[in-house]
Amino acid sequence: MQATRRDSAPPAPWLELDEMLLGLIVALTAAGIVMMSSASMDFAAEKYGDPFYHLIRHGIYVSAGLAVMAITARVPLAVWSRASQPLLVAGLLLLILVLIPGIGRERNGATRWIGFSALNLQPSEVMKLCFVVYLASYIQRRPRDIADKLSGMAAPTIILLLTAVLLLSEPDFGATVVIAGTAVAMLFVAGARLLPFGLLLVFALTAVAGLARFSPYRMRRLVTYLDPWKEQFGDGYQLVQALIAFGRGEVTGVGLGNSVQKLFYLPEAHTDFVFAIIAEELGLLGGVFFIALFSALVGRILWIGRAAAARQQVFAAQICLGVALMVAGQVFINIGVNAGLLPTKGLTLPFLSYGGSSLLILFAMMGLVLRAESEVRNGSSAFAAPWQGWRVRNA
């Protein structure tokens, strides 16, 4: 009789969080605060008269991001699945709004931000989350159509092309590559036929070649990337300064806070090129350590996705796959650009770069993965209400 009462008892009012995933998030967030502060203080003191200008704002973004992650982790995945289409429409509307003169804000020749007083919203970051949620829901609803019919690929392909056109109009080539790569990989894992991928690949390569051919600045970037030293005081200046930072760091680095390149030599040292400062101050060992942290984070997310797939929880599995690919893609591109392996693109390094929209969306994605892990482990999306508490569990 007692066993029956225990079996019929209501679920515990706690949402248990995955200890390993949460630990990696906290470690990268803390390291990001330290390294972003080191890279930005001298620049902030010169430009704003306050060395803590970026640190204070980054701290606010991190605090808001942690709150967003906590809220996101409380919302059942079923709610996200039902809201996938409205979210996609909202993301597309934001991408359209940013292109309207007077609404979008231009910076460094690109119109990527919508201004709200002192706040800036980057629609491309919002679209990353919206697209992953929409595509995961679409794959959950139409798995056979994707695998067996060309028509099953029509909707995601059209939406992907529309998104790419809007992003390239800003222009934001880095976000386009990350979203497109993530979408193709998610559809491929879902069992889509190879023919549509071949057509998409041909279209993508043709579009990239056309953009490079008819956009002089893109062509200069490609040529400069191949040999930046020919334009070390022109288009190749940023990459050359990043490579100098890597060279100065050697194996063990020059010491935390002792970077020379951040002293107005390397532009965007606290945003797109923060990894170059890491390589200079912490050396090869520090760079490898951060790469290992990112690898562990992506690996853990993929492990959760694999467990979800084994339990036939398609939406959770696809969410994990999409988030893992987004994070891995941004890390690969950012570090590749910093090290001179890829053409220069404006793409932040997750957790480590300064930025409001990117951090908030990143933490929202982490909240989705934490929720997915909890639902996979408990086998239910309704085991805890959104207003109830949470606790960390052992991995």
Protein backbone atom coordinates (compact mmCIF):
# COMPACT_ATOMS: atom_id res chain seq x y z
CA MET A 1 0.00 0.00 0.00
CA GLN A 2 2.86 2.35 0.86
CA ALA A 3 4.59 1.55 -2.45
CA THR A 4 1.38 2.42 -4.28
CA ARG A 5 1.23 5.80 -2.54
CA ARG A 6 4.85 6.53 -3.44
CA ASP A 7 4.27 5.55 -7.08
CA SER A 8 1.20 7.76 -7.36
CA ALA A 9 2.80 10.75 -5.64
CA PRO A 10 3.03 13.96 -7.72
CA PRO A 11 6.38 14.80 -9.29
CA ALA A 12 8.90 16.76 -7.27
CA PRO A 13 8.51 20.53 -7.62
CA TRP A 14 12.11 20.88 -8.81
CA LEU A 15 13.62 21.10 -12.25
CA GLU A 16 16.95 19.32 -11.94
CA LEU A 17 19.65 20.84 -14.14
CA ASP A 18 22.45 18.89 -15.75
CA GLU A 19 25.56 19.47 -13.65
CA MET A 20 28.13 19.01 -16.42
CA LEU A 21 26.40 21.28 -18.92
CA LEU A 22 25.72 23.95 -16.31
CA GLY A 23 29.34 23.78 -15.10
CA LEU A 24 30.66 24.33 -18.64
CA ILE A 25 28.31 27.28 -19.14
CA VAL A 26 29.42 28.88 -15.87
CA ALA A 27 33.11 28.27 -16.62
CA LEU A 28 32.90 29.86 -20.08
CA THR A 29 30.81 32.77 -18.77
CA ALA A 30 33.29 33.51 -15.97
CA ALA A 31 36.24 33.22 -18.34
CA GLY A 32 34.46 35.51 -20.77
CA ILE A 33 34.06 38.21 -18.12
CA VAL A 34 37.79 38.04 -17.33
CA MET A 35 39.07 38.00 -20.91
CA MET A 36 36.61 40.59 -22.24
CA SER A 37 37.58 42.90 -19.38
CA SER A 38 41.27 42.45 -20.09
CA ALA A 39 40.76 43.17 -23.79
CA SER A 40 38.53 46.23 -23.34
CA MET A 41 39.77 48.28 -20.37
CA ASP A 42 42.39 50.40 -22.14
CA PHE A 43 40.11 51.04 -25.10
CA ALA A 44 37.20 51.96 -22.80
CA ALA A 45 39.37 54.30 -20.73
CA GLU A 46 40.50 56.15 -23.86
CA LYS A 47 37.13 56.33 -25.63
CA TYR A 48 34.68 56.68 -22.73
CA GLY A 49 36.88 57.86 -19.86
CA ASP A 50 35.92 54.79 -17.83
CA PRO A 51 37.97 51.55 -17.99
CA PHE A 52 34.98 49.60 -16.65
CA TYR A 53 32.56 50.85 -19.30
CA HIS A 54 32.37 47.56 -21.20
CA LEU A 55 32.76 45.41 -18.08
CA ILE A 56 29.70 46.94 -16.41
CA ARG A 57 27.58 46.50 -19.51
CA HIS A 58 28.87 42.99 -20.09
CA GLY A 59 27.96 42.15 -16.50
CA ILE A 60 24.43 43.46 -17.11
CA TYR A 61 24.14 41.38 -20.29
CA VAL A 62 25.37 38.27 -18.48
CA SER A 63 22.93 38.79 -15.60
CA ALA A 64 20.07 39.28 -18.04
CA GLY A 65 21.25 36.26 -20.02
CA LEU A 66 21.27 34.04 -16.94
CA ALA A 67 17.72 35.18 -16.15
CA VAL A 68 16.68 34.39 -19.74
CA MET A 69 18.30 30.95 -19.47
CA ALA A 70 16.44 30.25 -16.21
CA ILE A 71 13.12 31.29 -17.74
CA THR A 72 13.74 29.34 -20.94
CA ALA A 73 14.59 26.23 -18.95
CA ARG A 74 11.19 26.46 -17.22
CA VAL A 75 9.14 26.46 -20.46
CA PRO A 76 8.19 22.97 -21.75
CA LEU A 77 9.53 22.13 -25.20
CA ALA A 78 5.98 21.46 -26.35
CA VAL A 79 5.27 25.19 -25.91
CA TRP A 80 8.31 26.07 -28.03
CA SER A 81 7.17 23.64 -30.71
CA ARG A 82 3.69 25.15 -30.88
CA ALA A 83 5.17 28.67 -31.02
CA SER A 84 7.71 27.82 -33.75
CA GLN A 85 5.83 29.44 -36.65
CA PRO A 86 5.04 32.72 -34.83
CA LEU A 87 8.68 32.86 -33.74
CA LEU A 88 9.83 32.41 -37.33
CA VAL A 89 7.52 35.19 -38.54
CA ALA A 90 8.81 37.47 -35.77
CA GLY A 91 12.41 36.75 -36.76
CA LEU A 92 11.72 37.50 -40.43
CA LEU A 93 9.92 40.74 -39.54
CA LEU A 94 12.92 41.88 -37.51
CA LEU A 95 15.22 41.13 -40.46
CA ILE A 96 12.95 43.28 -42.65
CA LEU A 97 12.69 46.11 -40.11
CA VAL A 98 16.46 46.46 -39.77
CA LEU A 99 16.67 47.25 -43.50
CA ILE A 100 14.18 50.15 -43.26
CA PRO A 101 15.96 53.54 -43.19
CA GLY A 102 15.48 55.28 -39.86
CA ILE A 103 14.95 52.01 -37.98
CA GLY A 104 18.15 50.11 -38.70
CA ARG A 105 21.40 51.51 -37.33
CA GLU A 106 24.52 51.48 -39.48
CA ARG A 107 27.92 50.66 -38.06
CA ASN A 108 31.14 49.93 -39.95
CA GLY A 109 29.29 49.92 -43.26
CA ALA A 110 26.65 47.37 -42.19
CA THR A 111 23.06 47.88 -41.04
CA ARG A 112 22.62 45.06 -38.51
CA TRP A 113 21.07 46.71 -35.46
CA ILE A 114 17.68 48.08 -34.45
CA GLY A 115 18.08 50.88 -31.91
CA PHE A 116 15.93 51.33 -28.82
CA SER A 117 17.29 54.41 -27.05
CA ALA A 118 20.66 53.24 -25.66
CA LEU A 119 19.93 49.58 -26.48
CA ASN A 120 20.67 47.80 -29.75
CA LEU A 121 18.98 44.61 -30.94
CA GLN A 122 20.68 42.48 -33.59
CA PRO A 123 17.94 40.65 -35.55
CA SER A 124 20.37 38.13 -37.04
CA GLU A 125 21.04 36.78 -33.54
CA VAL A 126 17.32 36.47 -32.82
CA MET A 127 16.84 34.69 -36.15
CA LYS A 128 19.35 32.00 -35.14
CA LEU A 129 17.10 30.91 -32.28
CA CYS A 130 13.88 31.31 -34.27
CA PHE A 131 15.18 29.28 -37.21
CA VAL A 132 16.44 26.39 -35.07
CA VAL A 133 13.12 26.16 -33.18
CA TYR A 134 11.10 26.33 -36.41
CA LEU A 135 13.18 23.74 -38.25
CA ALA A 136 13.18 21.35 -35.26
CA SER A 137 9.39 21.61 -35.09
CA TYR A 138 9.05 21.12 -38.87
CA ILE A 139 11.22 17.99 -38.76
CA GLN A 140 9.15 16.66 -35.86
CA ARG A 141 5.88 17.24 -37.74
CA ARG A 142 6.92 16.02 -41.22
CA PRO A 143 9.70 13.43 -40.89
CA ARG A 144 8.43 11.19 -43.70
CA ASP A 145 7.91 14.07 -46.13
CA ILE A 146 11.49 15.23 -45.59
CA ALA A 147 12.87 11.75 -46.16
CA ASP A 148 10.63 10.62 -49.04
CA LYS A 149 9.35 13.69 -50.92
CA LEU A 150 11.04 16.61 -52.60
CA SER A 151 8.02 18.71 -51.58
CA GLY A 152 8.95 18.09 -47.96
CA MET A 153 12.07 20.20 -48.52
CA ALA A 154 10.21 23.07 -50.18
CA ALA A 155 9.15 25.04 -47.08
CA PRO A 156 12.50 24.98 -45.21
CA THR A 157 14.41 25.68 -48.44
CA ILE A 158 12.27 28.70 -49.34
CA ILE A 159 12.50 30.08 -45.80
CA LEU A 160 16.26 29.51 -45.74
CA LEU A 161 16.70 31.35 -49.05
CA LEU A 162 14.52 34.25 -47.85
CA THR A 163 16.52 34.45 -44.63
CA ALA A 164 19.80 34.41 -46.54
CA VAL A 165 18.66 37.20 -48.87
CA LEU A 166 17.63 39.39 -45.92
CA LEU A 167 20.87 38.72 -44.03
CA LEU A 168 23.05 39.41 -47.06
CA SER A 169 21.20 42.69 -47.58
CA GLU A 170 22.52 44.01 -44.24
CA PRO A 171 25.11 42.53 -45.05
CA ASP A 172 25.84 39.77 -42.49
CA PHE A 173 27.65 36.99 -44.33
CA GLY A 174 28.85 35.26 -41.13
CA ALA A 175 25.33 34.78 -39.74
CA THR A 176 24.18 33.57 -43.16
CA VAL A 177 26.84 30.86 -43.24
CA VAL A 178 26.09 29.72 -39.67
CA ILE A 179 22.31 29.55 -40.15
CA ALA A 180 22.55 27.89 -43.56
CA GLY A 181 25.10 25.33 -42.39
CA THR A 182 23.02 24.50 -39.34
CA ALA A 183 19.84 24.12 -41.41
CA VAL A 184 21.47 21.83 -43.97
CA ALA A 185 22.98 19.63 -41.24
CA MET A 186 19.67 19.34 -39.36
CA LEU A 187 17.82 18.34 -42.51
CA PHE A 188 20.54 15.87 -43.47
CA VAL A 189 20.39 14.17 -40.05
CA ALA A 190 16.59 14.08 -40.38
CA GLY A 191 17.01 11.89 -43.47
CA ALA A 192 16.51 14.35 -46.32
CA ARG A 193 17.41 13.16 -49.82
CA LEU A 194 20.81 14.02 -51.28
CA LEU A 195 19.52 15.69 -54.46
CA PRO A 196 18.16 18.82 -52.71
CA PHE A 197 21.49 19.17 -50.88
CA GLY A 198 23.37 19.03 -54.14
CA LEU A 199 21.14 21.74 -55.61
CA LEU A 200 21.50 23.87 -52.48
CA LEU A 201 25.28 23.47 -52.56
CA VAL A 202 25.48 24.53 -56.22
CA PHE A 203 23.22 27.51 -55.52
CA ALA A 204 25.26 28.52 -52.46
CA LEU A 205 28.59 28.32 -54.29
CA THR A 206 27.18 30.28 -57.22
CA ALA A 207 25.79 32.95 -54.89
CA VAL A 208 29.11 33.27 -53.02
CA ALA A 209 31.02 33.57 -56.30
CA GLY A 210 28.56 36.20 -57.53
CA LEU A 211 28.79 38.20 -54.30
CA ALA A 212 32.58 38.16 -54.45
CA ARG A 213 32.61 39.11 -58.12
CA PHE A 214 30.18 42.02 -57.92
CA SER A 215 31.10 43.33 -54.43
CA PRO A 216 34.55 44.95 -54.53
CA TYR A 217 35.02 44.96 -50.75
CA ARG A 218 34.26 41.21 -50.54
CA MET A 219 36.77 40.50 -53.30
CA ARG A 220 39.37 42.58 -51.45
CA ARG A 221 38.69 40.61 -48.28
CA LEU A 222 39.23 37.32 -50.07
CA VAL A 223 42.45 38.50 -51.70
CA THR A 224 43.69 40.05 -48.44
CA TYR A 225 42.93 36.88 -46.49
CA LEU A 226 45.19 34.89 -48.81
CA ASP A 227 48.15 37.24 -48.20
CA PRO A 228 47.38 39.90 -45.57
CA TRP A 229 50.98 41.15 -45.45
CA LYS A 230 50.60 42.72 -48.88
CA GLU A 231 47.98 45.05 -47.38
CA GLN A 232 49.28 45.19 -43.81
CA PHE A 233 48.40 48.89 -43.50
CA GLY A 234 45.18 48.60 -45.53
CA ASP A 235 42.54 45.88 -45.76
CA GLY A 236 44.85 43.36 -44.11
CA TYR A 237 45.64 45.50 -41.07
CA GLN A 238 43.24 43.77 -38.65
CA LEU A 239 44.37 40.27 -39.58
CA VAL A 240 48.05 41.21 -39.44
CA GLN A 241 47.64 42.62 -35.92
CA ALA A 242 45.81 39.44 -34.86
CA LEU A 243 48.62 37.28 -36.23
CA ILE A 244 51.17 39.41 -34.34
CA ALA A 245 49.17 38.74 -31.17
CA PHE A 246 49.37 34.99 -31.82
CA GLY A 247 53.11 35.26 -32.42
CA ARG A 248 53.75 37.25 -29.25
CA GLY A 249 51.84 34.75 -27.12
CA GLU A 250 54.04 31.77 -28.06
CA VAL A 251 53.38 28.77 -25.77
CA THR A 252 52.57 30.27 -22.36
CA GLY A 253 51.60 33.85 -23.24
CA VAL A 254 52.79 37.23 -22.00
CA GLY A 255 50.52 37.10 -18.95
CA LEU A 256 46.94 38.09 -18.20
CA GLY A 257 46.47 41.81 -18.79
CA ASN A 258 49.86 42.27 -20.48
CA SER A 259 48.70 42.30 -24.10
CA VAL A 260 50.24 44.98 -26.31
CA GLN A 261 47.93 44.43 -29.30
CA LYS A 262 44.87 45.54 -27.33
CA LEU A 263 46.51 48.95 -26.87
CA PHE A 264 44.83 50.37 -29.98
CA TYR A 265 46.72 48.16 -32.43
CA LEU A 266 44.03 45.48 -32.91
CA PRO A 267 40.54 46.87 -33.70
CA GLU A 268 37.53 45.10 -32.15
CA ALA A 269 39.81 43.41 -29.62
CA HIS A 270 36.96 42.88 -27.12
CA THR A 271 34.42 41.63 -29.69
CA ASP A 272 35.36 39.77 -32.87
CA PHE A 273 39.09 39.40 -32.06
CA VAL A 274 39.03 38.52 -28.37
CA PHE A 275 40.59 35.12 -29.11
CA ALA A 276 43.69 36.83 -30.49
CA ILE A 277 44.08 38.59 -27.13
CA ILE A 278 43.60 35.23 -25.37
CA ALA A 279 46.36 33.75 -27.54
CA GLU A 280 48.66 36.68 -26.75
CA GLU A 281 48.09 36.77 -22.99
CA LEU A 282 47.64 33.04 -22.31
CA GLY A 283 49.58 31.58 -25.23
CA LEU A 284 49.04 28.32 -27.05
CA LEU A 285 48.13 26.54 -23.82
CA GLY A 286 45.40 29.06 -23.01
CA GLY A 287 44.00 28.87 -26.53
CA VAL A 288 43.92 25.07 -26.43
CA PHE A 289 42.24 25.19 -23.03
CA PHE A 290 39.39 27.34 -24.35
CA ILE A 291 39.02 25.17 -27.43
CA ALA A 292 38.77 22.15 -25.12
CA LEU A 293 36.03 23.90 -23.10
CA PHE A 294 34.04 24.63 -26.24
CA SER A 295 34.54 21.07 -27.47
CA ALA A 296 33.28 19.70 -24.16
CA LEU A 297 30.23 21.99 -24.31
CA VAL A 298 29.33 20.96 -27.86
CA GLY A 299 29.99 17.31 -27.04
CA ARG A 300 27.70 17.44 -24.02
CA ILE A 301 24.90 19.05 -26.02
CA LEU A 302 25.24 16.40 -28.74
CA TRP A 303 25.20 13.67 -26.07
CA ILE A 304 21.90 15.05 -24.75
CA GLY A 305 20.56 15.14 -28.31
CA ARG A 306 21.59 11.53 -28.85
CA ALA A 307 19.76 10.50 -25.68
CA ALA A 308 16.67 12.38 -26.89
CA ALA A 309 16.81 10.62 -30.27
CA ALA A 310 17.09 7.24 -28.53
CA ARG A 311 13.85 8.06 -26.67
CA GLN A 312 12.13 9.17 -29.91
CA GLN A 313 11.92 12.77 -28.69
CA VAL A 314 12.56 14.27 -32.11
CA PHE A 315 12.04 17.94 -31.25
CA ALA A 316 14.44 17.79 -28.29
CA ALA A 317 17.03 15.94 -30.35
CA GLN A 318 16.85 18.46 -33.20
CA ILE A 319 17.00 21.41 -30.81
CA CYS A 320 20.20 20.01 -29.30
CA LEU A 321 21.68 19.35 -32.73
CA GLY A 322 20.83 22.86 -33.95
CA VAL A 323 22.26 24.57 -30.86
CA ALA A 324 25.42 22.45 -30.95
CA LEU A 325 25.96 23.29 -34.61
CA MET A 326 25.33 27.00 -34.02
CA VAL A 327 27.87 27.15 -31.20
CA ALA A 328 30.44 24.98 -33.00
CA GLY A 329 30.04 26.96 -36.23
CA GLN A 330 30.54 30.32 -34.53
CA VAL A 331 33.55 29.08 -32.58
CA PHE A 332 35.14 27.57 -35.70
CA ILE A 333 34.59 30.67 -37.82
CA ASN A 334 35.66 33.16 -35.14
CA ILE A 335 38.86 31.31 -34.24
CA GLY A 336 39.54 30.63 -37.93
CA VAL A 337 39.25 34.34 -38.70
CA ASN A 338 41.46 35.27 -35.73
CA ALA A 339 44.14 32.78 -36.83
CA GLY A 340 44.01 33.80 -40.49
CA LEU A 341 42.52 30.50 -41.66
CA LEU A 342 39.29 32.11 -42.92
CA PRO A 343 38.38 35.48 -44.48
CA THR A 344 37.55 38.21 -41.98
CA LYS A 345 33.91 38.09 -40.85
CA GLY A 346 32.09 39.92 -38.08
CA LEU A 347 31.09 37.00 -35.87
CA THR A 348 31.38 36.96 -32.08
CA LEU A 349 32.96 34.19 -30.02
CA PRO A 350 30.26 32.59 -27.80
CA PHE A 351 30.46 33.57 -24.10
CA LEU A 352 33.79 35.40 -24.57
CA SER A 353 32.99 38.35 -26.86
CA TYR A 354 31.31 41.57 -25.77
CA GLY A 355 27.76 41.90 -27.06
CA GLY A 356 24.21 42.08 -25.79
CA SER A 357 22.00 40.36 -28.37
CA SER A 358 24.47 37.52 -28.96
CA LEU A 359 24.77 36.76 -25.23
CA LEU A 360 21.02 36.84 -24.59
CA ILE A 361 20.25 34.50 -27.49
CA LEU A 362 23.14 32.21 -26.53
CA PHE A 363 21.82 31.86 -22.97
CA ALA A 364 18.31 31.27 -24.31
CA MET A 365 19.70 28.41 -26.41
CA MET A 366 21.45 26.98 -23.36
CA GLY A 367 18.14 27.13 -21.48
CA LEU A 368 16.49 25.14 -24.27
CA VAL A 369 19.17 22.45 -24.02
CA LEU A 370 18.87 22.30 -20.23
CA ARG A 371 15.11 21.86 -20.63
CA ALA A 372 15.64 19.17 -23.26
CA GLU A 373 17.97 17.23 -20.96
CA SER A 374 15.45 17.39 -18.11
CA GLU A 375 12.59 16.21 -20.31
CA VAL A 376 14.67 13.39 -21.77
CA ARG A 377 15.66 12.21 -18.31
CA ASN A 378 12.13 12.44 -16.90
CA GLY A 379 10.33 11.27 -20.04
CA SER A 380 7.75 14.05 -19.73
CA SER A 381 7.39 17.72 -20.64
CA ALA A 382 5.00 18.48 -17.80
CA PHE A 383 6.90 17.26 -14.75
CA ALA A 384 7.35 20.74 -13.31
CA ALA A 385 5.46 23.99 -13.61
CA PRO A 386 7.24 27.16 -14.77
CA TRP A 387 6.91 28.87 -11.40
CA GLN A 388 8.51 26.02 -9.45
CA GLY A 389 12.18 25.91 -8.52
CA TRP A 390 15.23 24.08 -9.85
CA ARG A 391 18.35 22.44 -8.53
CA VAL A 392 21.56 21.07 -9.94
CA ARG A 393 21.81 17.30 -10.24
CA ASN A 394 24.88 15.13 -10.57
CA ALA A 395 25.72 14.22 -14.18
